[in-house]
Amino acid sequence: MVHCPDCETALADESDVEFVEMDATTGFFAASKRFYLVACTECGAAIGSGVAGAKA
């Protein structure tokens, strides 16, 4: 079983984490990909991050 590193809540279902899309338009150029953050729905702690496919 996986647990949140901050609040120790069990992360057993997809509903236990929140996927938040991050704005990729910082700096001079807009990024061609979407960045996202995975957070615990109980305490909001960041669990991980990544890059999704190209923006449409």
PDB file of N, CA and C in Angstrom:
ATOM      1  N   MET A   1       0.842  -1.177   0.000  1.00  0.00           N
ATOM      2  CA  MET A   1       0.000   0.000   0.000  1.00  0.00           C
ATOM      3  C   MET A   1       0.889   1.244   0.000  1.00  0.00           C
ATOM      4  N   VAL A   2       0.534   2.211  -0.814  1.00  0.00           N
ATOM      5  CA  VAL A   2       1.273   3.468  -0.907  1.00  0.00           C
ATOM      6  C   VAL A   2       0.616   4.485   0.020  1.00  0.00           C
ATOM      7  N   HIS A   3       1.451   5.307   0.674  1.00  0.00           N
ATOM      8  CA  HIS A   3       0.949   6.319   1.594  1.00  0.00           C
ATOM      9  C   HIS A   3       1.528   7.687   1.235  1.00  0.00           C
ATOM     10  N   CYS A   4       0.785   8.732   1.567  1.00  0.00           N
ATOM     11  CA  CYS A   4       1.272  10.102   1.384  1.00  0.00           C
ATOM     12  C   CYS A   4       2.465  10.312   2.319  1.00  0.00           C
ATOM     13  N   PRO A   5       3.555  10.886   1.824  1.00  0.00           N
ATOM     14  CA  PRO A   5       4.728  11.093   2.673  1.00  0.00           C
ATOM     15  C   PRO A   5       4.510  12.143   3.772  1.00  0.00           C
ATOM     16  N   ASP A   6       3.508  13.004   3.614  1.00  0.00           N
ATOM     17  CA  ASP A   6       3.269  14.050   4.614  1.00  0.00           C
ATOM     18  C   ASP A   6       2.245  13.658   5.667  1.00  0.00           C
ATOM     19  N   CYS A   7       1.074  13.145   5.226  1.00  0.00           N
ATOM     20  CA  CYS A   7      -0.001  12.872   6.183  1.00  0.00           C
ATOM     21  C   CYS A   7      -0.258  11.388   6.406  1.00  0.00           C
ATOM     22  N   GLU A   8       0.461  10.517   5.688  1.00  0.00           N
ATOM     23  CA  GLU A   8       0.342   9.054   5.826  1.00  0.00           C
ATOM     24  C   GLU A   8      -1.017   8.491   5.401  1.00  0.00           C
ATOM     25  N   THR A   9      -1.828   9.266   4.668  1.00  0.00           N
ATOM     26  CA  THR A   9      -3.093   8.763   4.141  1.00  0.00           C
ATOM     27  C   THR A   9      -2.806   7.702   3.085  1.00  0.00           C
ATOM     28  N   ALA A  10      -3.565   6.607   3.113  1.00  0.00           N
ATOM     29  CA  ALA A  10      -3.402   5.550   2.117  1.00  0.00           C
ATOM     30  C   ALA A  10      -3.855   6.064   0.749  1.00  0.00           C
ATOM     31  N   LEU A  11      -3.042   5.820  -0.269  1.00  0.00           N
ATOM     32  CA  LEU A  11      -3.362   6.218  -1.638  1.00  0.00           C
ATOM     33  C   LEU A  11      -3.684   4.961  -2.426  1.00  0.00           C
ATOM     34  N   ALA A  12      -4.924   4.498  -2.294  1.00  0.00           N
ATOM     35  CA  ALA A  12      -5.328   3.225  -2.893  1.00  0.00           C
ATOM     36  C   ALA A  12      -6.115   3.396  -4.182  1.00  0.00           C
ATOM     37  N   ASP A  13      -6.806   4.515  -4.341  1.00  0.00           N
ATOM     38  CA  ASP A  13      -7.650   4.745  -5.508  1.00  0.00           C
ATOM     39  C   ASP A  13      -7.208   5.995  -6.255  1.00  0.00           C
ATOM     40  N   GLU A  14      -7.637   6.111  -7.500  1.00  0.00           N
ATOM     41  CA  GLU A  14      -7.324   7.294  -8.302  1.00  0.00           C
ATOM     42  C   GLU A  14      -7.898   8.552  -7.650  1.00  0.00           C
ATOM     43  N   SER A  15      -9.011   8.422  -6.936  1.00  0.00           N
ATOM     44  CA  SER A  15      -9.632   9.577  -6.290  1.00  0.00           C
ATOM     45  C   SER A  15      -8.835  10.078  -5.081  1.00  0.00           C
ATOM     46  N   ASP A  16      -7.828   9.333  -4.639  1.00  0.00           N
ATOM     47  CA  ASP A  16      -6.992   9.740  -3.506  1.00  0.00           C
ATOM     48  C   ASP A  16      -5.921  10.756  -3.896  1.00  0.00           C
ATOM     49  N   VAL A  17      -5.724  10.951  -5.208  1.00  0.00           N
ATOM     50  CA  VAL A  17      -4.761  11.936  -5.692  1.00  0.00           C
ATOM     51  C   VAL A  17      -5.456  12.868  -6.681  1.00  0.00           C
ATOM     52  N   GLU A  18      -4.906  14.061  -6.815  1.00  0.00           N
ATOM     53  CA  GLU A  18      -5.452  15.054  -7.727  1.00  0.00           C
ATOM     54  C   GLU A  18      -4.405  15.377  -8.778  1.00  0.00           C
ATOM     55  N   PHE A  19      -4.801  15.377 -10.051  1.00  0.00           N
ATOM     56  CA  PHE A  19      -3.912  15.737 -11.145  1.00  0.00           C
ATOM     57  C   PHE A  19      -4.186  17.190 -11.506  1.00  0.00           C
ATOM     58  N   VAL A  20      -3.171  18.048 -11.358  1.00  0.00           N
ATOM     59  CA  VAL A  20      -3.315  19.477 -11.600  1.00  0.00           C
ATOM     60  C   VAL A  20      -2.431  19.852 -12.771  1.00  0.00           C
ATOM     61  N   GLU A  21      -3.034  20.407 -13.821  1.00  0.00           N
ATOM     62  CA  GLU A  21      -2.243  20.841 -14.981  1.00  0.00           C
ATOM     63  C   GLU A  21      -1.611  22.188 -14.659  1.00  0.00           C
ATOM     64  N   MET A  22      -0.320  22.298 -14.930  1.00  0.00           N
ATOM     65  CA  MET A  22       0.431  23.516 -14.649  1.00  0.00           C
ATOM     66  C   MET A  22       0.542  24.348 -15.921  1.00  0.00           C
ATOM     67  N   ASP A  23       0.565  25.659 -15.755  1.00  0.00           N
ATOM     68  CA  ASP A  23       0.710  26.571 -16.881  1.00  0.00           C
ATOM     69  C   ASP A  23       2.133  26.485 -17.418  1.00  0.00           C
ATOM     70  N   ALA A  24       2.276  26.296 -18.718  1.00  0.00           N
ATOM     71  CA  ALA A  24       3.595  26.134 -19.333  1.00  0.00           C
ATOM     72  C   ALA A  24       3.970  27.350 -20.162  1.00  0.00           C
ATOM     73  N   THR A  25       3.496  28.529 -19.753  1.00  0.00           N
ATOM     74  CA  THR A  25       3.768  29.721 -20.557  1.00  0.00           C
ATOM     75  C   THR A  25       4.684  30.702 -19.834  1.00  0.00           C
ATOM     76  N   THR A  26       5.517  30.206 -18.928  1.00  0.00           N
ATOM     77  CA  THR A  26       6.454  31.104 -18.255  1.00  0.00           C
ATOM     78  C   THR A  26       7.656  31.363 -19.149  1.00  0.00           C
ATOM     79  N   GLY A  27       8.252  32.505 -19.008  1.00  0.00           N
ATOM     80  CA  GLY A  27       9.413  32.849 -19.828  1.00  0.00           C
ATOM     81  C   GLY A  27       8.990  33.447 -21.160  1.00  0.00           C
ATOM     82  N   PHE A  28       9.890  33.400 -22.117  1.00  0.00           N
ATOM     83  CA  PHE A  28       9.641  34.011 -23.416  1.00  0.00           C
ATOM     84  C   PHE A  28       8.809  33.138 -24.352  1.00  0.00           C
ATOM     85  N   PHE A  29       8.893  31.817 -24.192  1.00  0.00           N
ATOM     86  CA  PHE A  29       8.234  30.913 -25.121  1.00  0.00           C
ATOM     87  C   PHE A  29       7.239  30.029 -24.381  1.00  0.00           C
ATOM     88  N   ALA A  30       6.137  29.731 -25.027  1.00  0.00           N
ATOM     89  CA  ALA A  30       5.176  28.784 -24.469  1.00  0.00           C
ATOM     90  C   ALA A  30       5.695  27.377 -24.739  1.00  0.00           C
ATOM     91  N   ALA A  31       5.637  26.517 -23.752  1.00  0.00           N
ATOM     92  CA  ALA A  31       6.115  25.146 -23.922  1.00  0.00           C
ATOM     93  C   ALA A  31       5.156  24.376 -24.826  1.00  0.00           C
ATOM     94  N   SER A  32       5.682  23.414 -25.557  1.00  0.00           N
ATOM     95  CA  SER A  32       4.846  22.623 -26.450  1.00  0.00           C
ATOM     96  C   SER A  32       4.234  21.430 -25.735  1.00  0.00           C
ATOM     97  N   LYS A  33       4.508  21.270 -24.453  1.00  0.00           N
ATOM     98  CA  LYS A  33       3.962  20.141 -23.695  1.00  0.00           C
ATOM     99  C   LYS A  33       3.211  20.658 -22.473  1.00  0.00           C
ATOM    100  N   ARG A  34       2.388  19.776 -21.884  1.00  0.00           N
ATOM    101  CA  ARG A  34       1.638  20.126 -20.683  1.00  0.00           C
ATOM    102  C   ARG A  34       2.335  19.528 -19.473  1.00  0.00           C
ATOM    103  N   PHE A  35       2.533  20.316 -18.455  1.00  0.00           N
ATOM    104  CA  PHE A  35       3.145  19.853 -17.217  1.00  0.00           C
ATOM    105  C   PHE A  35       2.042  19.609 -16.197  1.00  0.00           C
ATOM    106  N   TYR A  36       2.203  18.599 -15.366  1.00  0.00           N
ATOM    107  CA  TYR A  36       1.185  18.334 -14.361  1.00  0.00           C
ATOM    108  C   TYR A  36       1.832  17.982 -13.030  1.00  0.00           C
ATOM    109  N   LEU A  37       1.043  18.161 -11.975  1.00  0.00           N
ATOM    110  CA  LEU A  37       1.445  17.859 -10.614  1.00  0.00           C
ATOM    111  C   LEU A  37       0.437  16.882 -10.037  1.00  0.00           C
ATOM    112  N   VAL A  38       0.906  15.878  -9.321  1.00  0.00           N
ATOM    113  CA  VAL A  38       0.039  14.932  -8.633  1.00  0.00           C
ATOM    114  C   VAL A  38       0.106  15.266  -7.153  1.00  0.00           C
ATOM    115  N   ALA A  39      -1.063  15.532  -6.540  1.00  0.00           N
ATOM    116  CA  ALA A  39      -1.106  15.949  -5.145  1.00  0.00           C
ATOM    117  C   ALA A  39      -2.057  15.064  -4.347  1.00  0.00           C
ATOM    118  N   CYS A  40      -1.787  14.906  -3.060  1.00  0.00           N
ATOM    119  CA  CYS A  40      -2.649  14.178  -2.132  1.00  0.00           C
ATOM    120  C   CYS A  40      -3.935  14.981  -1.941  1.00  0.00           C
ATOM    121  N   THR A  41      -5.096  14.352  -2.088  1.00  0.00           N
ATOM    122  CA  THR A  41      -6.351  15.081  -1.905  1.00  0.00           C
ATOM    123  C   THR A  41      -6.631  15.379  -0.437  1.00  0.00           C
ATOM    124  N   GLU A  42      -6.011  14.665   0.470  1.00  0.00           N
ATOM    125  CA  GLU A  42      -6.236  14.872   1.903  1.00  0.00           C
ATOM    126  C   GLU A  42      -5.514  16.115   2.425  1.00  0.00           C
ATOM    127  N   CYS A  43      -4.211  16.246   2.110  1.00  0.00           N
ATOM    128  CA  CYS A  43      -3.439  17.366   2.655  1.00  0.00           C
ATOM    129  C   CYS A  43      -2.883  18.310   1.590  1.00  0.00           C
ATOM    130  N   GLY A  44      -2.942  17.932   0.306  1.00  0.00           N
ATOM    131  CA  GLY A  44      -2.446  18.785  -0.768  1.00  0.00           C
ATOM    132  C   GLY A  44      -0.960  18.671  -1.051  1.00  0.00           C
ATOM    133  N   ALA A  45      -0.268  17.766  -0.372  1.00  0.00           N
ATOM    134  CA  ALA A  45       1.171  17.591  -0.586  1.00  0.00           C
ATOM    135  C   ALA A  45       1.457  17.093  -1.992  1.00  0.00           C
ATOM    136  N   ALA A  46       2.516  17.618  -2.600  1.00  0.00           N
ATOM    137  CA  ALA A  46       2.928  17.175  -3.932  1.00  0.00           C
ATOM    138  C   ALA A  46       3.503  15.764  -3.822  1.00  0.00           C
ATOM    139  N   ILE A  47       2.963  14.853  -4.636  1.00  0.00           N
ATOM    140  CA  ILE A  47       3.415  13.466  -4.651  1.00  0.00           C
ATOM    141  C   ILE A  47       4.400  13.260  -5.806  1.00  0.00           C
ATOM    142  N   GLY A  48       4.144  13.908  -6.933  1.00  0.00           N
ATOM    143  CA  GLY A  48       5.011  13.771  -8.098  1.00  0.00           C
ATOM    144  C   GLY A  48       4.629  14.763  -9.170  1.00  0.00           C
ATOM    145  N   SER A  49       5.335  14.739 -10.272  1.00  0.00           N
ATOM    146  CA  SER A  49       5.040  15.634 -11.401  1.00  0.00           C
ATOM    147  C   SER A  49       5.469  14.961 -12.679  1.00  0.00           C
ATOM    148  N   GLY A  50       5.085  15.530 -13.784  1.00  0.00           N
ATOM    149  CA  GLY A  50       5.458  14.938 -15.060  1.00  0.00           C
ATOM    150  C   GLY A  50       5.099  15.822 -16.232  1.00  0.00           C
ATOM    151  N   VAL A  51       5.268  15.278 -17.422  1.00  0.00           N
ATOM    152  CA  VAL A  51       4.990  15.982 -18.660  1.00  0.00           C
ATOM    153  C   VAL A  51       4.053  15.125 -19.470  1.00  0.00           C
ATOM    154  N   ALA A  52       2.986  15.747 -19.969  1.00  0.00           N
ATOM    155  CA  ALA A  52       2.023  15.048 -20.819  1.00  0.00           C
ATOM    156  C   ALA A  52       2.317  15.394 -22.269  1.00  0.00           C
ATOM    157  N   GLY A  53       1.476  14.943 -23.188  1.00  0.00           N
ATOM    158  CA  GLY A  53       1.671  15.183 -24.616  1.00  0.00           C
ATOM    159  C   GLY A  53       1.635  16.648 -25.007  1.00  0.00           C
ATOM    160  N   ALA A  54       1.823  16.907 -26.271  1.00  0.00           N
ATOM    161  CA  ALA A  54       1.870  18.268 -26.780  1.00  0.00           C
ATOM    162  C   ALA A  54       0.540  18.979 -26.609  1.00  0.00           C
ATOM    163  N   LYS A  55       0.605  20.300 -26.441  1.00  0.00           N
ATOM    164  CA  LYS A  55      -0.605  21.110 -26.339  1.00  0.00           C
ATOM    165  C   LYS A  55      -1.288  21.170 -27.696  1.00  0.00           C
ATOM    166  N   ALA A  56      -2.583  21.244 -27.659  1.00  0.00           N
ATOM    167  CA  ALA A  56      -3.354  21.345 -28.914  1.00  0.00           C
ATOM    168  C   ALA A  56      -3.521  22.780 -29.325  1.00  0.00           C
TER     169      ALA A  56
END
